[in-house]
């Protein structure tokens, strides 16, 4: 039996290819705690439910960039074999960019799940980063890029089309600042970022660009990290109204609310499993379920519900669990 992922998703598999939470930390003690927490939650949920991105851009002290890059490299190399560890380097026009990539990707590229490049403005920036990875010997390492300006949003479709790009993230604070005061500071708040027209349009454009090319749209941070109810509401809006399949965390307490917000409801998982089970039995021919006709178009949606359930650590019905816990390439 061919794996459902191969039958149903095609190019759209990319939008659900990553854990739904990307956790950032740049201070040594917090980076170590983040990696320990990742291992702890992976054991609890039975799968890795968030990535840890070790941050050079905001984490490295001025003048200490080389030392910080070496620290990030050592932490990545010391992480467990099942850890998902990434690194955010400096922008491509920063004097430390090439050294960051040479040190981190050159020594630990085989242990990284991706490299995040901030302040990407164009496809040329992506290609520069891709060439730097290849020069460091990190062939095939995916790039994640941070979209932080009106011009970058305008070029989001072209950036998302680059074959090395796996995910686009939206940089809220820099996007607002790039408007020179034309967007008020309230647009950076948990409420304002979902109501200001320019910010909302940028988020929608970026998500649309990702889905057009089968890439992962990652929603920006919520800086009110102590207001977990507001965070979860924001995550729910990002997932259910704006089309995002991933979100940043900047504090460990934000991880579980993000997982909960991006997880499908239990009844959705049960219905999706029942529909996919019938589809498998029918060898993907149309079937009837609960008075409705389903075919491959709706099978695709319900398979994605099961993918999200797995990525957020929800228990899966036994009928579909084997398909979610092994890669498509292992089943024929």
Protein backbone atom coordinates (compact mmCIF):
# COMPACT_ATOMS: atom_id res chain seq x y z
CA UNK A 1 0.00 0.00 0.00
CA UNK A 2 1.40 3.39 -1.01
CA UNK A 3 1.83 5.82 1.88
CA UNK A 4 -1.01 8.40 2.15
CA UNK A 5 1.50 11.25 2.21
CA UNK A 6 2.79 10.25 -1.22
CA UNK A 7 -0.70 9.83 -2.64
CA UNK A 8 -2.33 12.95 -1.26
CA UNK A 9 0.03 15.81 -0.57
CA UNK A 10 2.51 16.24 -3.39
CA UNK A 11 3.96 19.76 -3.25
CA UNK A 12 1.65 20.68 -0.37
CA UNK A 13 3.52 18.30 1.95
CA UNK A 14 5.95 21.13 2.68
CA UNK A 15 3.46 23.28 4.57
CA UNK A 16 3.16 20.61 7.27
CA UNK A 17 6.75 19.37 7.23
CA UNK A 18 7.92 20.92 10.51
CA UNK A 19 7.01 21.01 14.20
CA UNK A 20 4.44 23.73 14.83
CA UNK A 21 6.62 25.62 17.33
CA UNK A 22 10.04 27.18 16.75
CA UNK A 23 11.63 28.21 20.07
CA UNK A 24 14.35 30.89 20.07
CA UNK A 25 17.03 31.44 22.70
CA UNK A 26 20.42 33.14 22.58
CA UNK A 27 21.78 33.26 26.15
CA UNK A 28 23.91 30.25 27.03
CA UNK A 29 21.93 29.14 30.09
CA UNK A 30 18.63 29.48 28.23
CA UNK A 31 19.94 27.67 25.17
CA UNK A 32 20.97 24.73 27.35
CA UNK A 33 17.61 24.73 29.16
CA UNK A 34 15.77 24.87 25.84
CA UNK A 35 17.57 21.79 24.54
CA UNK A 36 16.86 19.95 27.80
CA UNK A 37 13.18 20.93 27.60
CA UNK A 38 12.98 19.72 24.00
CA UNK A 39 14.20 16.28 25.07
CA UNK A 40 11.80 16.26 28.02
CA UNK A 41 8.74 17.10 25.92
CA UNK A 42 9.76 14.69 23.16
CA UNK A 43 9.68 11.92 25.74
CA UNK A 44 6.32 13.12 27.08
CA UNK A 45 4.61 13.45 23.68
CA UNK A 46 6.39 10.66 21.82
CA UNK A 47 7.67 13.01 19.11
CA UNK A 48 9.72 16.20 18.85
CA UNK A 49 7.07 18.92 19.19
CA UNK A 50 9.27 22.02 18.81
CA UNK A 51 12.52 23.10 17.22
CA UNK A 52 15.21 24.92 19.18
CA UNK A 53 16.86 27.76 17.27
CA UNK A 54 20.10 28.96 18.83
CA UNK A 55 20.33 32.68 18.17
CA UNK A 56 23.43 34.53 17.00
CA UNK A 57 21.74 37.67 15.69
CA UNK A 58 20.23 38.82 19.00
CA UNK A 59 22.19 36.50 21.29
CA UNK A 60 25.76 37.46 20.44
CA UNK A 61 27.23 40.45 22.30
CA UNK A 62 28.82 43.10 20.09
CA UNK A 63 32.46 42.15 19.70
CA UNK A 64 31.78 38.60 20.87
CA UNK A 65 30.18 37.26 17.69
CA UNK A 66 32.91 34.71 16.94
CA UNK A 67 32.84 33.30 20.47
CA UNK A 68 29.06 33.05 20.38
CA UNK A 69 29.12 31.24 17.03
CA UNK A 70 31.56 28.72 18.52
CA UNK A 71 29.26 28.25 21.52
CA UNK A 72 26.26 27.64 19.25
CA UNK A 73 28.32 25.12 17.28
CA UNK A 74 29.34 23.21 20.41
CA UNK A 75 25.75 23.11 21.69
CA UNK A 76 24.50 21.79 18.36
CA UNK A 77 27.19 19.12 18.26
CA UNK A 78 26.42 18.06 21.85
CA UNK A 79 22.66 17.75 21.32
CA UNK A 80 21.13 14.30 21.28
CA UNK A 81 20.78 12.38 18.01
CA UNK A 82 17.01 12.98 17.85
CA UNK A 83 17.22 16.70 18.71
CA UNK A 84 16.01 19.27 16.20
CA UNK A 85 18.46 22.16 16.50
CA UNK A 86 18.79 25.18 14.22
CA UNK A 87 20.83 28.37 14.29
CA UNK A 88 19.98 31.95 13.40
CA UNK A 89 23.00 33.73 11.94
CA UNK A 90 23.52 37.40 11.20
CA UNK A 91 22.02 38.95 8.02
CA UNK A 92 23.82 38.41 4.74
CA UNK A 93 25.07 42.03 4.68
CA UNK A 94 26.52 41.83 8.21
CA UNK A 95 30.28 41.59 8.60
CA UNK A 96 29.90 38.39 10.67
CA UNK A 97 27.61 36.50 8.29
CA UNK A 98 30.29 34.52 6.45
CA UNK A 99 32.12 33.67 9.66
CA UNK A 100 28.87 32.55 11.30
CA UNK A 101 28.08 30.20 8.44
CA UNK A 102 31.62 28.88 8.13
CA UNK A 103 31.81 28.13 11.85
CA UNK A 104 28.32 26.80 12.56
CA UNK A 105 27.34 25.13 9.29
CA UNK A 106 30.91 24.16 8.51
CA UNK A 107 31.34 22.22 11.75
CA UNK A 108 27.79 21.32 12.80
CA UNK A 109 25.80 21.44 9.56
CA UNK A 110 25.15 17.70 9.76
CA UNK A 111 23.47 18.18 13.15
CA UNK A 112 21.30 21.17 12.19
CA UNK A 113 17.73 20.86 10.91
CA UNK A 114 17.98 24.26 9.18
CA UNK A 115 19.71 27.63 9.17
CA UNK A 116 17.68 30.80 9.78
CA UNK A 117 18.73 33.95 7.92
CA UNK A 118 17.18 37.24 9.11
CA UNK A 119 16.36 40.40 7.16
CA UNK A 120 16.15 38.72 3.78
CA UNK A 121 15.12 41.28 1.16
CA UNK A 122 15.35 39.42 -2.13
CA UNK A 123 16.04 36.16 -3.93
CA UNK A 124 19.63 37.38 -4.31
CA UNK A 125 19.97 37.35 -0.51
CA UNK A 126 18.67 33.78 -0.41
CA UNK A 127 21.12 32.73 -3.10
CA UNK A 128 23.99 34.36 -1.22
CA UNK A 129 23.08 32.37 1.88
CA UNK A 130 22.71 29.19 -0.15
CA UNK A 131 26.13 29.68 -1.72
CA UNK A 132 27.66 30.30 1.72
CA UNK A 133 26.19 27.02 3.01
CA UNK A 134 27.57 25.13 0.04
CA UNK A 135 30.99 26.74 0.54
CA UNK A 136 30.89 25.56 4.16
CA UNK A 137 30.12 22.01 3.04
CA UNK A 138 26.52 22.06 4.31
CA UNK A 139 25.00 20.89 1.02
CA UNK A 140 21.29 20.27 1.29
CA UNK A 141 20.80 22.07 4.62
CA UNK A 142 17.45 23.93 4.33
CA UNK A 143 17.20 27.67 4.71
CA UNK A 144 14.55 29.48 6.74
CA UNK A 145 14.26 33.19 6.05
CA UNK A 146 12.86 36.08 8.04
CA UNK A 147 10.68 38.57 6.14
CA UNK A 148 10.90 41.93 7.94
CA UNK A 149 10.21 44.79 5.50
CA UNK A 150 7.53 45.96 3.04
CA UNK A 151 9.87 45.26 0.12
CA UNK A 152 10.53 41.72 1.34
CA UNK A 153 6.80 41.08 1.71
CA UNK A 154 6.34 42.32 -1.86
CA UNK A 155 8.91 39.74 -3.03
CA UNK A 156 7.66 36.93 -0.76
CA UNK A 157 6.35 34.77 -3.61
CA UNK A 158 9.71 34.84 -5.40
CA UNK A 159 11.59 34.18 -2.16
CA UNK A 160 9.33 31.26 -1.26
CA UNK A 161 9.90 29.77 -4.72
CA UNK A 162 13.64 29.33 -4.11
CA UNK A 163 14.31 25.57 -3.82
CA UNK A 164 16.59 25.97 -0.79
CA UNK A 165 13.91 27.79 1.25
CA UNK A 166 11.84 25.59 3.53
CA UNK A 167 10.03 28.22 5.60
CA UNK A 168 9.29 31.95 5.75
CA UNK A 169 8.86 33.73 9.09
CA UNK A 170 7.24 37.12 9.58
CA UNK A 171 9.25 39.68 11.61
CA UNK A 172 6.62 41.90 13.20
CA UNK A 173 8.70 44.48 15.06
CA UNK A 174 11.07 45.22 12.20
CA UNK A 175 8.16 45.35 9.75
CA UNK A 176 6.39 47.99 11.84
CA UNK A 177 9.62 49.95 12.37
CA UNK A 178 10.34 49.90 8.65
CA UNK A 179 7.33 52.18 8.10
CA UNK A 180 9.00 55.14 9.81
CA UNK A 181 6.21 55.77 12.28
CA UNK A 182 3.36 55.40 9.77
CA UNK A 183 2.22 52.30 11.68
CA UNK A 184 1.65 52.96 15.41
CA UNK A 185 3.44 51.04 18.14
CA UNK A 186 0.14 49.39 19.10
CA UNK A 187 0.47 47.28 15.95
CA UNK A 188 3.28 45.37 17.68
CA UNK A 189 0.97 44.32 20.51
CA UNK A 190 -0.86 41.02 20.66
CA UNK A 191 -4.13 42.75 19.74
CA UNK A 192 -2.86 45.35 17.28
CA UNK A 193 -0.94 42.92 15.09
CA UNK A 194 -4.21 41.25 14.12
CA UNK A 195 -6.14 44.44 13.45
CA UNK A 196 -3.85 46.94 11.70
CA UNK A 197 -4.56 46.63 7.94
CA UNK A 198 -0.95 46.86 6.74
CA UNK A 199 0.30 44.28 9.23
CA UNK A 200 -2.61 41.94 8.59
CA UNK A 201 -2.16 42.22 4.81
CA UNK A 202 1.56 41.45 5.13
CA UNK A 203 0.85 38.35 7.21
CA UNK A 204 -1.71 37.11 4.70
CA UNK A 205 0.57 37.78 1.72
CA UNK A 206 3.41 35.88 3.34
CA UNK A 207 1.24 32.90 4.26
CA UNK A 208 -0.18 32.83 0.74
CA UNK A 209 3.32 32.87 -0.78
CA UNK A 210 4.31 29.88 1.34
CA UNK A 211 1.24 27.84 0.44
CA UNK A 212 1.70 28.64 -3.24
CA UNK A 213 5.09 26.94 -3.16
CA UNK A 214 4.56 24.23 -0.51
CA UNK A 215 6.64 26.01 2.14
CA UNK A 216 6.00 26.49 5.88
CA UNK A 217 4.60 29.89 7.00
CA UNK A 218 5.83 30.69 10.53
CA UNK A 219 3.99 33.33 12.56
CA UNK A 220 5.83 36.01 14.54
CA UNK A 221 6.42 36.27 18.26
CA UNK A 222 4.06 37.51 20.94
CA UNK A 223 6.19 39.67 23.21
CA UNK A 224 3.65 39.68 26.07
CA UNK A 225 5.12 36.36 27.16
CA UNK A 226 3.47 36.38 30.61
CA UNK A 227 -0.05 36.66 29.17
CA UNK A 228 -0.51 33.05 28.09
CA UNK A 229 -4.23 33.42 27.37
CA UNK A 230 -3.47 36.24 24.91
CA UNK A 231 -0.68 34.16 23.39
CA UNK A 232 -2.92 31.17 22.84
CA UNK A 233 -5.61 33.39 21.30
CA UNK A 234 -3.02 34.87 18.95
CA UNK A 235 -1.74 31.43 18.01
CA UNK A 236 -5.27 30.24 17.35
CA UNK A 237 -5.91 33.20 15.05
CA UNK A 238 -2.65 32.58 13.21
CA UNK A 239 -3.50 28.92 12.69
CA UNK A 240 -7.23 29.10 11.97
CA UNK A 241 -7.68 32.48 10.28
CA UNK A 242 -4.37 33.39 8.64
CA UNK A 243 -3.15 30.03 7.37
CA UNK A 244 0.01 29.66 9.47
CA UNK A 245 1.28 26.19 10.29
CA UNK A 246 4.09 27.19 12.66
CA UNK A 247 4.80 29.92 15.25
CA UNK A 248 7.75 31.35 17.15
CA UNK A 249 8.22 31.03 20.90
CA UNK A 250 10.57 33.28 22.89
CA UNK A 251 9.84 31.90 26.37
CA UNK A 252 9.48 28.26 27.49
CA UNK A 253 6.02 28.99 28.91
CA UNK A 254 4.80 29.83 25.40
CA UNK A 255 5.49 26.38 23.94
CA UNK A 256 2.54 24.43 25.36
CA UNK A 257 -0.05 27.12 24.51
CA UNK A 258 1.25 27.19 20.93
CA UNK A 259 0.99 23.41 20.69
CA UNK A 260 -2.56 23.53 22.04
CA UNK A 261 -3.61 26.30 19.64
CA UNK A 262 -2.23 24.55 16.56
CA UNK A 263 -3.56 21.12 17.53
CA UNK A 264 -6.82 19.92 15.95
CA UNK A 265 -9.75 19.10 18.21
CA UNK A 266 -10.14 15.49 19.34
CA UNK A 267 -13.37 15.07 17.35
CA UNK A 268 -11.57 16.33 14.22
CA UNK A 269 -8.85 13.72 14.70
CA UNK A 270 -11.39 10.93 15.17
CA UNK A 271 -13.36 11.92 12.06
CA UNK A 272 -10.19 12.34 10.00
CA UNK A 273 -8.94 8.90 11.04
CA UNK A 274 -12.25 7.27 10.16
CA UNK A 275 -12.34 8.91 6.72
CA UNK A 276 -8.74 8.02 5.91
CA UNK A 277 -9.32 4.45 7.10
CA UNK A 278 -12.24 4.12 4.67
CA UNK A 279 -10.20 5.72 1.89
CA UNK A 280 -7.39 3.24 2.43
CA UNK A 281 -9.83 0.35 2.28
CA UNK A 282 -11.27 1.74 -0.95
CA UNK A 283 -7.77 2.32 -2.40
CA UNK A 284 -8.51 6.06 -2.53
CA UNK A 285 -11.75 5.78 -4.50
CA UNK A 286 -14.63 8.02 -3.29
CA UNK A 287 -16.38 6.95 -0.07
CA UNK A 288 -19.35 8.08 1.99
CA UNK A 289 -18.98 9.13 5.61
CA UNK A 290 -21.64 10.61 7.85
CA UNK A 291 -23.88 11.34 4.90
CA UNK A 292 -21.23 13.13 2.85
CA UNK A 293 -19.21 12.08 -0.17
CA UNK A 294 -15.41 12.29 0.08
CA UNK A 295 -12.69 11.89 -2.53
CA UNK A 296 -9.01 12.76 -2.83
CA UNK A 297 -9.66 16.48 -2.51
CA UNK A 298 -11.13 16.09 0.99
CA UNK A 299 -8.83 13.16 1.84
CA UNK A 300 -5.94 15.61 1.51
CA UNK A 301 -7.48 17.90 4.12
CA UNK A 302 -8.20 15.11 6.59
CA UNK A 303 -4.72 13.66 6.18
CA UNK A 304 -3.32 17.09 7.09
CA UNK A 305 -5.48 17.05 10.24
CA UNK A 306 -3.73 13.81 11.22
CA UNK A 307 -0.32 15.31 10.40
CA UNK A 308 -1.03 18.24 12.73
CA UNK A 309 -2.23 15.88 15.44
CA UNK A 310 1.06 13.99 15.25
CA UNK A 311 3.17 17.16 15.22
CA UNK A 312 1.41 18.49 18.33
CA UNK A 313 1.74 15.25 20.29
CA UNK A 314 -1.91 14.21 20.27
CA UNK A 315 -2.70 10.49 20.62
CA UNK A 316 -3.52 8.89 17.28
CA UNK A 317 -6.03 6.11 16.54
CA UNK A 318 -4.31 2.77 16.03
CA UNK A 319 -5.63 2.49 12.48
CA UNK A 320 -3.55 5.42 11.24
CA UNK A 321 -0.74 5.67 13.78
CA UNK A 322 1.77 3.60 11.76
CA UNK A 323 1.44 5.97 8.81
CA UNK A 324 2.20 9.02 10.95
CA UNK A 325 5.22 7.59 12.74
CA UNK A 326 7.23 6.43 9.72
CA UNK A 327 8.31 8.33 6.61
CA UNK A 328 6.51 7.96 3.30
CA UNK A 329 9.65 6.61 1.65
CA UNK A 330 9.58 3.44 3.77
CA UNK A 331 6.18 2.23 2.53
CA UNK A 332 5.38 1.06 -1.00
